[in-house]
N, C-alpha and C. Protein backbone atom coordinates (compact mmCIF):
# COMPACT_ATOMS: atom_id res chain seq x y z
N UNK A 1 128.58 -1.88 181.11
CA UNK A 1 127.36 -2.73 180.43
C UNK A 1 126.14 -2.18 180.18
N UNK A 2 125.49 -3.05 179.47
CA UNK A 2 124.62 -2.41 178.69
C UNK A 2 123.17 -2.48 179.34
N UNK A 3 122.26 -1.69 179.23
CA UNK A 3 121.12 -1.14 179.78
C UNK A 3 119.90 -2.93 179.77
N UNK A 4 120.21 -3.55 178.25
CA UNK A 4 119.24 -5.29 178.31
C UNK A 4 120.24 -5.56 179.56
N UNK A 5 121.34 -5.61 179.99
CA UNK A 5 121.56 -6.76 180.35
C UNK A 5 121.46 -6.69 181.66
N UNK A 6 121.39 -4.85 182.75
CA UNK A 6 121.20 -4.92 183.73
C UNK A 6 119.69 -5.56 184.42
N UNK A 7 119.01 -5.42 182.95
CA UNK A 7 117.49 -5.30 183.28
C UNK A 7 117.49 -7.26 183.30
N UNK A 8 118.18 -8.12 182.77
CA UNK A 8 118.04 -9.46 183.41
C UNK A 8 118.30 -9.71 184.58
N UNK A 9 119.80 -8.51 185.42
CA UNK A 9 120.27 -9.18 186.51
C UNK A 9 119.42 -8.71 187.56
N UNK A 10 118.24 -7.30 186.80
CA UNK A 10 117.52 -7.32 188.28
C UNK A 10 116.58 -7.84 188.34
N UNK A 11 116.16 -8.59 187.11
CA UNK A 11 114.86 -9.88 187.16
C UNK A 11 115.45 -10.93 188.25
N UNK A 12 117.05 -11.74 187.69
CA UNK A 12 117.12 -12.34 189.14
C UNK A 12 116.80 -11.98 190.36
N UNK A 13 117.57 -10.76 190.79
CA UNK A 13 117.53 -9.91 191.84
C UNK A 13 116.13 -10.15 192.70
N UNK A 14 115.27 -9.62 191.65
CA UNK A 14 113.89 -9.40 192.11
C UNK A 14 112.90 -11.24 192.67
N UNK A 15 113.47 -12.04 191.47
CA UNK A 15 112.77 -13.69 191.76
C UNK A 15 113.49 -14.15 193.28
N UNK A 16 115.17 -13.41 193.76
CA UNK A 16 115.74 -13.97 194.72
C UNK A 16 115.10 -13.12 195.98
N UNK A 17 115.07 -11.69 195.93
CA UNK A 17 114.33 -11.51 196.95
C UNK A 17 112.71 -11.67 197.39
N UNK A 18 111.85 -12.36 196.05
CA UNK A 18 110.61 -12.82 196.32
C UNK A 18 110.61 -14.40 196.89
N UNK A 19 111.67 -14.58 196.37
CA UNK A 19 112.45 -16.30 196.73
C UNK A 19 112.05 -16.49 198.26
N UNK A 20 113.23 -15.47 198.62
CA UNK A 20 114.12 -15.55 200.09
C UNK A 20 112.63 -14.86 200.94
N UNK A 21 111.98 -13.62 200.61
CA UNK A 21 110.59 -13.24 201.58
C UNK A 21 109.59 -14.25 201.86
N UNK A 22 109.19 -14.87 200.64
CA UNK A 22 108.24 -16.16 200.60
C UNK A 22 108.93 -17.01 201.72
N UNK A 23 110.11 -18.05 201.65
CA UNK A 23 110.61 -18.56 202.55
C UNK A 23 110.30 -17.78 203.81
N UNK A 24 111.05 -17.37 203.94
CA UNK A 24 111.13 -16.29 205.52
C UNK A 24 109.85 -16.11 205.90
N UNK A 25 109.03 -15.88 204.85
CA UNK A 25 107.31 -16.33 205.85
C UNK A 25 107.52 -17.27 206.37
N UNK A 26 107.11 -18.38 205.55
CA UNK A 26 106.83 -19.65 205.74
C UNK A 26 107.81 -19.92 206.93
N UNK A 27 108.87 -20.12 207.15
CA UNK A 27 109.66 -20.45 208.05
C UNK A 27 109.57 -19.71 209.94
N UNK A 28 109.05 -18.62 209.52
CA UNK A 28 108.57 -18.03 210.24
C UNK A 28 107.31 -17.67 210.86
N UNK A 29 106.68 -17.84 210.43
CA UNK A 29 105.28 -18.32 210.81
C UNK A 29 104.12 -19.56 210.60
N UNK A 30 104.93 -20.46 210.09
CA UNK A 30 104.21 -21.96 210.18
C UNK A 30 105.02 -22.95 211.04
N UNK A 31 104.82 -23.79 211.62
CA UNK A 31 105.53 -25.06 211.17
C UNK A 31 105.48 -25.83 210.93
N UNK A 32 106.73 -26.92 210.44
CA UNK A 32 106.94 -27.98 209.69
C UNK A 32 105.78 -28.60 209.41
N UNK A 33 105.26 -28.55 208.21
CA UNK A 33 103.92 -29.56 207.86
C UNK A 33 103.01 -29.16 208.07
N UNK A 34 102.54 -28.16 208.90
CA UNK A 34 101.83 -27.26 209.11
C UNK A 34 100.77 -26.92 207.24
N UNK A 35 99.61 -27.18 206.96
CA UNK A 35 99.12 -26.52 206.13
C UNK A 35 97.53 -25.78 205.98
N UNK A 36 98.22 -24.54 205.25
CA UNK A 36 96.65 -23.80 204.76
C UNK A 36 96.30 -23.69 203.37
N UNK A 37 95.04 -23.47 203.22
CA UNK A 37 94.26 -24.47 202.13
C UNK A 37 93.79 -23.08 201.67
N UNK A 38 94.17 -22.52 200.40
CA UNK A 38 93.93 -21.47 199.59
C UNK A 38 93.00 -21.72 198.30
N UNK A 39 93.32 -22.70 197.99
CA UNK A 39 91.72 -23.24 197.19
C UNK A 39 91.46 -24.68 197.28
N UNK A 40 90.46 -25.00 198.16
CA UNK A 40 89.97 -26.57 198.30
C UNK A 40 90.46 -27.32 197.05
N UNK A 41 91.31 -28.32 197.27
CA UNK A 41 91.64 -29.53 196.79
C UNK A 41 92.06 -28.90 195.15
N UNK A 42 92.82 -27.79 195.45
CA UNK A 42 94.08 -27.50 194.82
C UNK A 42 95.12 -26.26 195.17
N UNK A 43 95.02 -25.60 195.68
CA UNK A 43 95.88 -25.19 196.58
C UNK A 43 96.21 -24.73 197.77
N UNK A 44 97.45 -25.12 198.09
CA UNK A 44 97.66 -24.76 199.19
C UNK A 44 99.18 -24.37 199.86
N UNK A 45 98.91 -23.69 201.22
CA UNK A 45 100.54 -23.31 201.26
C UNK A 45 101.29 -24.20 202.63
N UNK A 46 102.16 -25.13 202.29
CA UNK A 46 102.59 -26.39 203.64
C UNK A 46 103.96 -26.06 203.48
N UNK A 47 104.37 -25.84 204.98
CA UNK A 47 105.47 -25.31 204.95
C UNK A 47 106.24 -26.92 204.90
N UNK A 48 107.23 -27.11 204.28
CA UNK A 48 107.93 -28.24 203.62
C UNK A 48 109.23 -28.47 203.22
N UNK A 49 110.63 -29.25 203.41
CA UNK A 49 111.55 -29.07 203.42
C UNK A 49 112.43 -29.97 202.52
N UNK A 50 113.43 -29.88 202.09
CA UNK A 50 113.58 -30.61 200.70
C UNK A 50 115.44 -30.51 200.47
N UNK A 51 116.17 -31.56 201.12
CA UNK A 51 117.50 -31.79 201.18
C UNK A 51 117.91 -32.54 200.29
N UNK A 52 117.13 -32.25 198.78
CA UNK A 52 117.62 -33.30 197.45
C UNK A 52 117.05 -31.93 196.56
N UNK A 53 117.14 -32.62 195.43
CA UNK A 53 116.79 -31.52 194.13
C UNK A 53 115.04 -31.84 193.86
N UNK A 54 114.93 -31.86 192.91
CA UNK A 54 113.22 -31.89 192.49
C UNK A 54 113.06 -33.00 192.73
N UNK A 55 111.63 -33.38 193.66
CA UNK A 55 110.81 -34.56 194.05
C UNK A 55 111.82 -35.04 195.11
N UNK A 56 112.58 -34.74 195.67
CA UNK A 56 113.72 -35.16 196.81
C UNK A 56 114.83 -35.76 196.40
N UNK A 57 115.05 -36.31 194.89
CA UNK A 57 115.73 -36.80 194.23
C UNK A 57 117.65 -36.49 194.66
N UNK A 58 117.93 -37.04 195.02
CA UNK A 58 119.87 -36.85 195.57
C UNK A 58 119.91 -36.22 197.08
N UNK A 59 118.88 -36.83 197.69
CA UNK A 59 118.65 -36.57 198.94
C UNK A 59 120.12 -36.26 199.88
N UNK A 60 120.71 -35.51 200.29
CA UNK A 60 121.25 -35.53 201.00
C UNK A 60 122.97 -35.04 200.79
N UNK A 61 122.68 -34.78 199.02
CA UNK A 61 124.34 -34.53 198.27
C UNK A 61 124.35 -33.54 198.26
N UNK A 62 124.61 -32.78 199.36
CA UNK A 62 125.18 -30.85 199.21
C UNK A 62 125.75 -30.25 198.20
N UNK A 63 127.10 -31.24 198.63
CA UNK A 63 128.11 -30.78 198.23
C UNK A 63 128.29 -30.81 196.44
N UNK A 64 127.61 -31.84 195.94
CA UNK A 64 127.06 -32.03 194.89
C UNK A 64 126.34 -30.82 193.66
N UNK A 65 125.08 -30.40 194.89
CA UNK A 65 124.73 -29.09 194.60
C UNK A 65 125.78 -28.16 194.53
N UNK A 66 126.14 -27.88 195.55
CA UNK A 66 126.88 -26.80 195.41
C UNK A 66 127.78 -26.76 194.24
N UNK A 67 128.52 -27.61 194.00
CA UNK A 67 129.25 -27.67 192.43
C UNK A 67 128.64 -27.56 191.35
N UNK A 68 127.51 -28.14 191.08
CA UNK A 68 126.56 -28.29 189.92
C UNK A 68 126.14 -26.64 189.97
N UNK A 69 125.95 -26.00 191.12
CA UNK A 69 124.81 -24.60 191.03
C UNK A 69 125.74 -23.91 190.60
N UNK A 70 126.91 -24.09 191.21
CA UNK A 70 128.27 -22.93 190.78
C UNK A 70 128.08 -22.77 188.99
N UNK A 71 128.19 -23.64 188.72
CA UNK A 71 129.19 -24.28 187.25
C UNK A 71 127.48 -23.35 186.77
N UNK A 72 126.24 -24.07 186.88
CA UNK A 72 125.09 -22.93 186.50
C UNK A 72 125.04 -21.95 186.24
N UNK A 73 124.99 -21.13 187.10
CA UNK A 73 125.25 -19.81 187.47
C UNK A 73 126.69 -19.24 186.84
N UNK A 74 127.58 -19.33 186.58
CA UNK A 74 129.01 -19.25 185.73
C UNK A 74 127.87 -19.26 184.40
N UNK A 75 127.81 -20.42 183.82
CA UNK A 75 127.20 -20.57 183.05
C UNK A 75 126.09 -19.84 182.17
N UNK A 76 125.25 -19.41 183.13
CA UNK A 76 124.40 -18.45 182.79
C UNK A 76 124.99 -17.11 182.56
N UNK A 77 124.88 -16.78 183.44
CA UNK A 77 125.91 -15.27 183.45
C UNK A 77 127.01 -15.09 182.42
N UNK A 78 127.58 -16.14 182.04
CA UNK A 78 128.19 -15.92 180.61
C UNK A 78 127.50 -15.98 179.62
N UNK A 79 126.50 -16.77 179.26
CA UNK A 79 125.34 -16.95 178.53
C UNK A 79 124.73 -15.51 178.63
N UNK A 80 124.31 -14.77 179.03
CA UNK A 80 123.72 -13.47 179.95
C UNK A 80 124.75 -12.38 179.03
N UNK A 81 126.22 -12.34 179.33
CA UNK A 81 126.73 -11.28 178.41
C UNK A 81 126.94 -11.83 177.08
N UNK A 82 126.88 -13.05 176.87
CA UNK A 82 127.47 -13.60 175.56
C UNK A 82 126.46 -13.82 174.20
N UNK A 83 125.45 -13.88 174.88
CA UNK A 83 124.36 -14.74 173.81
C UNK A 83 122.90 -14.03 173.91
N UNK A 84 122.62 -13.05 174.89
CA UNK A 84 121.66 -12.55 175.09
C UNK A 84 121.89 -10.97 174.46
N UNK A 85 122.23 -10.34 174.23
CA UNK A 85 122.48 -8.86 173.38
C UNK A 85 121.55 -9.19 172.19
N UNK A 86 120.69 -8.42 172.30
CA UNK A 86 119.53 -8.30 171.27
C UNK A 86 118.62 -9.16 171.66
N UNK A 87 118.58 -10.37 172.39
CA UNK A 87 117.69 -11.32 172.22
C UNK A 87 117.17 -11.47 173.68
N UNK A 88 115.79 -10.50 173.74
CA UNK A 88 115.47 -10.20 175.13
C UNK A 88 114.50 -11.34 175.85
N UNK A 89 113.93 -12.01 174.71
CA UNK A 89 113.55 -13.67 175.09
C UNK A 89 114.19 -14.60 175.91
N UNK A 90 115.60 -14.33 175.33
CA UNK A 90 116.85 -15.25 176.53
C UNK A 90 117.44 -14.57 177.22
N UNK A 91 117.54 -13.77 177.19
CA UNK A 91 117.81 -12.31 178.14
C UNK A 91 116.96 -12.82 179.40
N UNK A 92 115.60 -12.17 179.25
CA UNK A 92 114.84 -13.04 180.69
C UNK A 92 114.69 -14.60 180.72
N UNK A 93 114.98 -15.06 180.10
CA UNK A 93 114.83 -16.74 180.60
C UNK A 93 115.91 -16.80 180.88
N UNK A 94 116.85 -16.35 180.88
CA UNK A 94 118.34 -17.07 181.48
C UNK A 94 118.18 -15.96 182.73
N UNK A 95 117.76 -14.99 182.88
CA UNK A 95 117.42 -14.08 184.12
C UNK A 95 116.92 -14.34 185.24
N UNK A 96 115.47 -15.43 185.04
CA UNK A 96 114.47 -16.17 185.53
C UNK A 96 115.95 -17.32 186.28
N UNK A 97 116.08 -17.79 185.30
CA UNK A 97 116.96 -19.51 185.63
C UNK A 97 118.05 -18.82 186.88
N UNK A 98 118.64 -17.64 186.57
CA UNK A 98 119.74 -17.21 187.67
C UNK A 98 118.84 -16.96 188.97
N UNK A 99 118.22 -16.53 188.78
CA UNK A 99 117.18 -16.19 189.95
C UNK A 99 116.58 -17.68 190.96
N UNK A 100 116.33 -18.04 189.97
CA UNK A 100 115.82 -19.46 190.82
C UNK A 100 117.23 -20.18 191.58
N UNK A 101 118.50 -20.27 190.29
CA UNK A 101 119.38 -20.92 190.62
C UNK A 101 120.13 -20.33 192.08
N UNK A 102 119.86 -19.04 192.08
CA UNK A 102 120.36 -18.16 193.21
C UNK A 102 119.59 -18.32 194.28
N UNK A 103 118.53 -18.66 194.02
CA UNK A 103 117.52 -18.74 195.66
C UNK A 103 117.84 -20.06 196.24
N UNK A 104 117.47 -20.87 195.25
CA UNK A 104 117.94 -21.91 196.34
C UNK A 104 118.60 -22.63 196.85
N UNK A 105 120.02 -22.15 195.90
CA UNK A 105 121.36 -22.01 196.53
C UNK A 105 121.23 -21.21 198.01
N UNK A 106 120.76 -20.29 197.99
CA UNK A 106 121.21 -19.52 199.21
C UNK A 106 120.81 -20.61 200.46
N UNK A 107 119.15 -21.35 200.14
CA UNK A 107 118.82 -22.08 201.24
C UNK A 107 119.88 -23.35 201.39
N UNK A 108 120.16 -24.25 199.99
CA UNK A 108 121.17 -25.30 200.51
C UNK A 108 122.80 -25.09 201.51
N UNK A 109 123.26 -23.18 200.92
CA UNK A 109 123.87 -23.11 202.01
C UNK A 109 123.82 -22.59 203.72
N UNK A 110 122.96 -21.87 203.47
CA UNK A 110 122.77 -21.17 204.72
C UNK A 110 121.32 -22.16 205.77
N UNK A 111 120.65 -23.03 205.41
CA UNK A 111 119.90 -24.00 206.00
C UNK A 111 120.09 -25.62 205.46
N UNK A 112 120.81 -25.27 205.15
CA UNK A 112 121.07 -27.29 204.31
C UNK A 112 119.99 -27.66 204.10
N UNK A 113 119.03 -27.17 203.44
CA UNK A 113 117.92 -28.05 203.36
C UNK A 113 117.14 -26.42 202.44
N UNK A 114 116.42 -27.12 201.39
CA UNK A 114 115.49 -25.97 200.49
C UNK A 114 114.06 -25.86 201.36
N UNK A 115 113.46 -24.21 201.64
CA UNK A 115 112.18 -24.34 201.74
C UNK A 115 111.42 -24.25 200.74
N UNK A 116 110.31 -25.42 201.16
CA UNK A 116 109.03 -25.68 200.02
C UNK A 116 107.97 -25.21 200.33
N UNK A 117 106.93 -24.57 200.19
CA UNK A 117 105.55 -24.56 200.44
C UNK A 117 104.22 -24.38 199.26
N UNK A 118 104.69 -24.36 197.99
CA UNK A 118 103.41 -24.06 197.55
C UNK A 118 102.70 -25.83 197.02
N UNK A 119 102.20 -26.05 197.76
CA UNK A 119 101.18 -27.39 197.64
C UNK A 119 100.15 -27.42 196.61
N UNK A 120 100.03 -28.00 195.53
CA UNK A 120 99.43 -28.27 194.22
C UNK A 120 99.00 -29.49 194.12
N UNK A 121 97.16 -29.90 193.97
CA UNK A 121 96.43 -30.96 193.29
C UNK A 121 95.81 -30.46 191.91
N UNK A 122 97.15 -31.35 191.08
CA UNK A 122 96.17 -30.48 189.32
C UNK A 122 95.95 -32.52 188.95
N UNK A 123 94.61 -31.97 189.14
CA UNK A 123 93.72 -32.75 188.46
C UNK A 123 94.06 -34.47 189.31
N UNK A 124 93.86 -34.45 190.71
CA UNK A 124 93.76 -35.08 191.76
C UNK A 124 95.32 -35.64 191.96
N UNK A 125 96.03 -34.95 191.26
CA UNK A 125 97.55 -35.95 191.96
C UNK A 125 98.26 -34.29 192.61
N UNK A 126 98.44 -35.41 193.56
CA UNK A 126 99.37 -34.41 194.18
C UNK A 126 100.64 -33.89 194.20
N UNK A 127 100.94 -32.78 193.40
CA UNK A 127 102.21 -32.50 192.47
C UNK A 127 102.89 -32.22 193.68
N UNK A 128 104.79 -32.29 193.84
CA UNK A 128 105.42 -32.19 194.74
C UNK A 128 106.14 -30.83 195.56
N UNK A 129 105.63 -30.64 196.41
CA UNK A 129 105.91 -29.08 197.26
C UNK A 129 107.26 -28.03 196.25
N UNK A 130 107.06 -26.99 195.81
CA UNK A 130 107.84 -27.09 195.16
C UNK A 130 107.71 -24.85 195.66
N UNK A 131 108.27 -23.79 195.79
CA UNK A 131 108.89 -22.66 195.87
C UNK A 131 109.01 -21.87 194.62
N UNK A 132 109.00 -20.21 195.16
CA UNK A 132 109.00 -18.93 193.96
C UNK A 132 110.38 -19.49 193.30
N UNK A 133 111.84 -19.72 193.65
CA UNK A 133 112.67 -20.12 192.76
C UNK A 133 112.35 -21.58 191.83
N UNK A 134 111.96 -22.56 192.44
CA UNK A 134 111.55 -23.59 191.23
C UNK A 134 110.62 -23.04 190.74
N UNK A 135 109.39 -22.35 190.65
CA UNK A 135 108.65 -21.70 189.89
C UNK A 135 109.81 -21.18 188.51
N UNK A 136 110.33 -19.81 189.21
CA UNK A 136 111.31 -19.21 188.67
C UNK A 136 112.26 -19.99 187.71
N UNK A 137 112.70 -21.57 187.88
CA UNK A 137 113.71 -22.01 186.67
C UNK A 137 112.53 -22.67 186.22
N UNK A 138 111.69 -23.16 186.27
CA UNK A 138 110.56 -24.05 185.06
C UNK A 138 110.06 -22.45 184.08
N UNK A 139 109.74 -21.63 184.39
CA UNK A 139 109.18 -20.45 183.64
C UNK A 139 110.10 -20.27 182.57
N UNK A 140 111.73 -20.39 183.46
CA UNK A 140 112.70 -19.60 182.54
C UNK A 140 113.37 -20.70 181.57
N UNK A 141 113.20 -22.12 181.98
CA UNK A 141 113.18 -22.95 181.27
C UNK A 141 112.53 -22.92 179.62
N UNK A 142 110.94 -22.63 180.32
CA UNK A 142 110.02 -22.87 179.70
C UNK A 142 110.37 -21.87 177.95
N UNK A 143 111.11 -20.29 178.60
CA UNK A 143 111.09 -19.74 177.50
C UNK A 143 112.11 -19.88 176.87
N UNK A 144 113.33 -20.71 177.73
CA UNK A 144 114.63 -20.83 176.93
C UNK A 144 114.07 -21.51 175.56
N UNK A 145 113.19 -22.47 175.81
CA UNK A 145 112.72 -23.40 174.71
C UNK A 145 111.75 -23.19 173.70
N UNK A 146 111.04 -21.54 174.42
CA UNK A 146 110.55 -21.08 173.26
C UNK A 146 111.43 -20.50 172.22
N UNK A 147 112.25 -19.67 173.00
CA UNK A 147 113.81 -18.91 172.48
C UNK A 147 114.08 -19.66 171.22
N UNK A 148 114.33 -20.92 171.91
CA UNK A 148 114.98 -21.87 170.80
C UNK A 148 114.32 -22.15 169.48
N UNK A 149 112.71 -22.48 169.86
CA UNK A 149 112.18 -22.85 168.79
C UNK A 149 111.83 -21.73 167.71
N UNK A 150 111.36 -20.19 168.07
CA UNK A 150 111.97 -19.27 167.22
C UNK A 150 112.99 -19.40 166.43
N UNK A 151 114.39 -19.43 167.30
CA UNK A 151 114.95 -19.42 166.50
C UNK A 151 115.25 -20.08 165.70
N UNK A 152 115.07 -21.51 165.46
CA UNK A 152 115.02 -22.40 164.83
C UNK A 152 113.99 -22.09 164.06
N UNK A 153 112.49 -21.46 163.92
CA UNK A 153 111.98 -20.99 162.68
C UNK A 153 112.39 -20.17 161.66
N UNK A 154 113.16 -19.33 162.54
CA UNK A 154 113.87 -18.37 161.94
C UNK A 154 114.84 -18.79 160.77
N UNK A 155 115.89 -19.96 161.36
CA UNK A 155 116.87 -20.22 160.28
C UNK A 155 115.86 -21.00 159.33
N UNK A 156 114.62 -21.83 159.60
CA UNK A 156 113.91 -22.26 158.58
C UNK A 156 113.72 -21.66 157.06
N UNK A 157 113.24 -19.92 157.41
CA UNK A 157 112.74 -18.97 156.99
C UNK A 157 113.77 -18.79 156.38
N UNK A 158 115.15 -18.03 156.68
CA UNK A 158 115.85 -17.72 156.26
C UNK A 158 116.84 -18.70 155.11
N UNK A 159 116.09 -19.98 155.61
CA UNK A 159 117.12 -20.80 154.58
C UNK A 159 116.09 -21.11 153.51
N UNK A 160 114.77 -21.13 153.70
CA UNK A 160 113.94 -21.57 152.57
C UNK A 160 113.83 -19.77 151.76
N UNK A 161 113.68 -18.96 152.21
CA UNK A 161 114.44 -17.54 151.34
C UNK A 161 115.52 -18.03 150.46
N UNK A 162 116.30 -18.11 151.37
CA UNK A 162 117.62 -18.05 150.62
C UNK A 162 117.55 -19.31 149.16
N UNK A 163 116.87 -20.28 149.15
CA UNK A 163 116.66 -21.19 148.88
C UNK A 163 116.28 -20.92 147.78
N UNK A 164 114.99 -20.08 147.64
CA UNK A 164 114.08 -19.30 146.81
C UNK A 164 114.32 -17.87 145.97
N UNK A 165 115.66 -17.79 146.03
CA UNK A 165 116.06 -16.81 145.55
C UNK A 165 115.64 -15.27 146.32
N UNK A 166 115.32 -15.22 147.37
CA UNK A 166 114.43 -13.92 147.73
C UNK A 166 115.20 -13.40 148.69
N UNK A 167 116.60 -14.14 149.36
CA UNK A 167 117.45 -13.38 150.10
C UNK A 167 118.46 -12.94 149.75
N UNK A 168 118.43 -11.48 150.18
CA UNK A 168 118.98 -10.06 150.04
C UNK A 168 120.38 -10.14 151.36
N UNK A 169 121.75 -10.09 150.20
CA UNK A 169 122.76 -10.09 150.91
C UNK A 169 122.78 -8.62 151.34
């Protein structure tokens, strides 16, 4: 296995370890619903459980989540192996997404619910409570979108250079 691929899997493992450790701390040290103020009117650690997906949608559909998550994990591993070679940003984004997917999958399998605890108020809006796996997924998707935009820009540049006769084969 190529060194770069190992790095992407190490990112996933790091995310899983941090995610599971922080969830364990919340479960062991806080009562469900308990909240600790970190930054007034902005950031709290709140012990919460979610039996659905983002924002609690599809609550109680564990079988569905198991199937979808396994498909997503297999797909991410496939893309790390097939598409991430020489594309560090793509590999990092996939590693983050893999770690996030597995982190929440572990909760769903062992706890039958996902432990959430990061509670934010952004411009007065009480954002849904989330966890480290969720953060990793969002950052990974954001980096994937950036990778796609950069690739699109490079394709347009290459096409423009080819049409101007400056492209050399």
